[in-house]
Protein backbone atom coordinates (compact mmCIF):
# COMPACT_ATOMS: atom_id res chain seq x y z
CA UNK A 1 1.92 7.87 2.80
CA UNK A 2 -0.98 9.68 0.62
CA UNK A 3 -3.99 7.75 -0.69
CA UNK A 4 -6.06 9.44 -3.66
CA UNK A 5 -8.81 8.25 -5.89
CA UNK A 6 -11.44 5.66 -5.26
CA UNK A 7 -14.61 5.75 -3.22
CA UNK A 8 -14.93 4.75 0.07
CA UNK A 9 -11.57 3.43 0.37
CA UNK A 10 -12.01 0.98 -2.57
CA UNK A 11 -10.02 1.78 -5.93
CA UNK A 12 -7.56 4.23 -4.01
CA UNK A 13 -3.90 4.35 -5.12
CA UNK A 14 -1.50 4.98 -2.33
CA UNK A 15 1.86 6.99 -2.71
CA UNK A 16 4.70 6.12 -0.47
CA UNK A 17 6.72 8.81 0.98
CA UNK A 18 10.12 9.14 2.72
CA UNK A 19 9.79 10.02 6.38
CA UNK A 20 12.24 13.01 5.55
CA UNK A 21 9.53 14.68 3.38
CA UNK A 22 7.22 14.89 6.20
CA UNK A 23 7.03 17.54 9.02
CA UNK A 24 4.74 17.30 12.16
CA UNK A 25 2.92 20.51 12.34
CA UNK A 26 1.42 20.91 15.85
CA UNK A 27 -1.43 23.19 14.89
CA UNK A 28 -2.72 20.85 12.38
CA UNK A 29 -2.05 17.91 14.77
CA UNK A 30 -0.56 15.68 11.58
CA UNK A 31 2.08 16.12 9.01
CA UNK A 32 2.76 18.55 6.21
CA UNK A 33 5.02 17.41 3.24
CA UNK A 34 6.58 19.69 0.28
CA UNK A 35 5.65 16.88 -2.35
CA UNK A 36 4.21 18.93 -5.22
CA UNK A 37 1.52 17.64 -7.44
CA UNK A 38 3.77 17.32 -10.08
CA UNK A 39 5.68 14.93 -8.29
CA UNK A 40 2.95 12.66 -7.35
CA UNK A 41 2.03 12.52 -11.12
CA UNK A 42 5.00 10.10 -11.73
CA UNK A 43 5.62 8.82 -8.36
CA UNK A 44 6.05 5.25 -7.26
CA UNK A 45 2.38 3.70 -6.12
CA UNK A 46 0.58 0.80 -5.08
CA UNK A 47 -2.98 -0.30 -4.98
CA UNK A 48 -4.85 -1.91 -1.92
CA UNK A 49 -4.21 -5.46 -3.60
CA UNK A 50 -0.55 -5.04 -3.41
CA UNK A 51 1.75 -4.02 -0.40
CA UNK A 52 4.52 -1.81 -0.52
CA UNK A 53 7.65 -3.67 1.15
CA UNK A 54 9.47 -0.87 3.28
CA UNK A 55 11.91 -3.90 4.04
CA UNK A 56 12.92 -4.04 0.20
CA UNK A 57 16.01 -1.81 0.13
CA UNK A 58 15.90 -1.38 -3.59
CA UNK A 59 12.39 0.22 -3.51
CA UNK A 60 13.11 2.45 -0.56
CA UNK A 61 16.67 3.53 -2.11
CA UNK A 62 14.32 4.30 -5.68
CA UNK A 63 11.78 6.04 -3.59
CA UNK A 64 14.24 8.28 -2.01
CA UNK A 65 16.07 8.91 -5.29
CA UNK A 66 12.79 9.80 -7.15
CA UNK A 67 12.10 12.77 -4.08
CA UNK A 68 15.79 13.77 -3.76
CA UNK A 69 16.09 12.32 -0.33
CA UNK A 70 19.83 12.44 0.51
CA UNK A 71 21.76 9.36 1.59
CA UNK A 72 22.42 9.37 5.43
């Protein structure tokens, strides 16, 4: 998940990302993604006061569809 906006963690928007969109970079010590700024503009998001429910298959499928993750 990516987080943007707000100040000191307040008012942030959180963008859930499919695991398949993340690649671990050992030199960076973290994950990289090929998600573009234009994709994020219309991406599903939530605020701190709402939880993203990864157990909700409908929401997860919609997220995968949005980012073009193939069905496995």
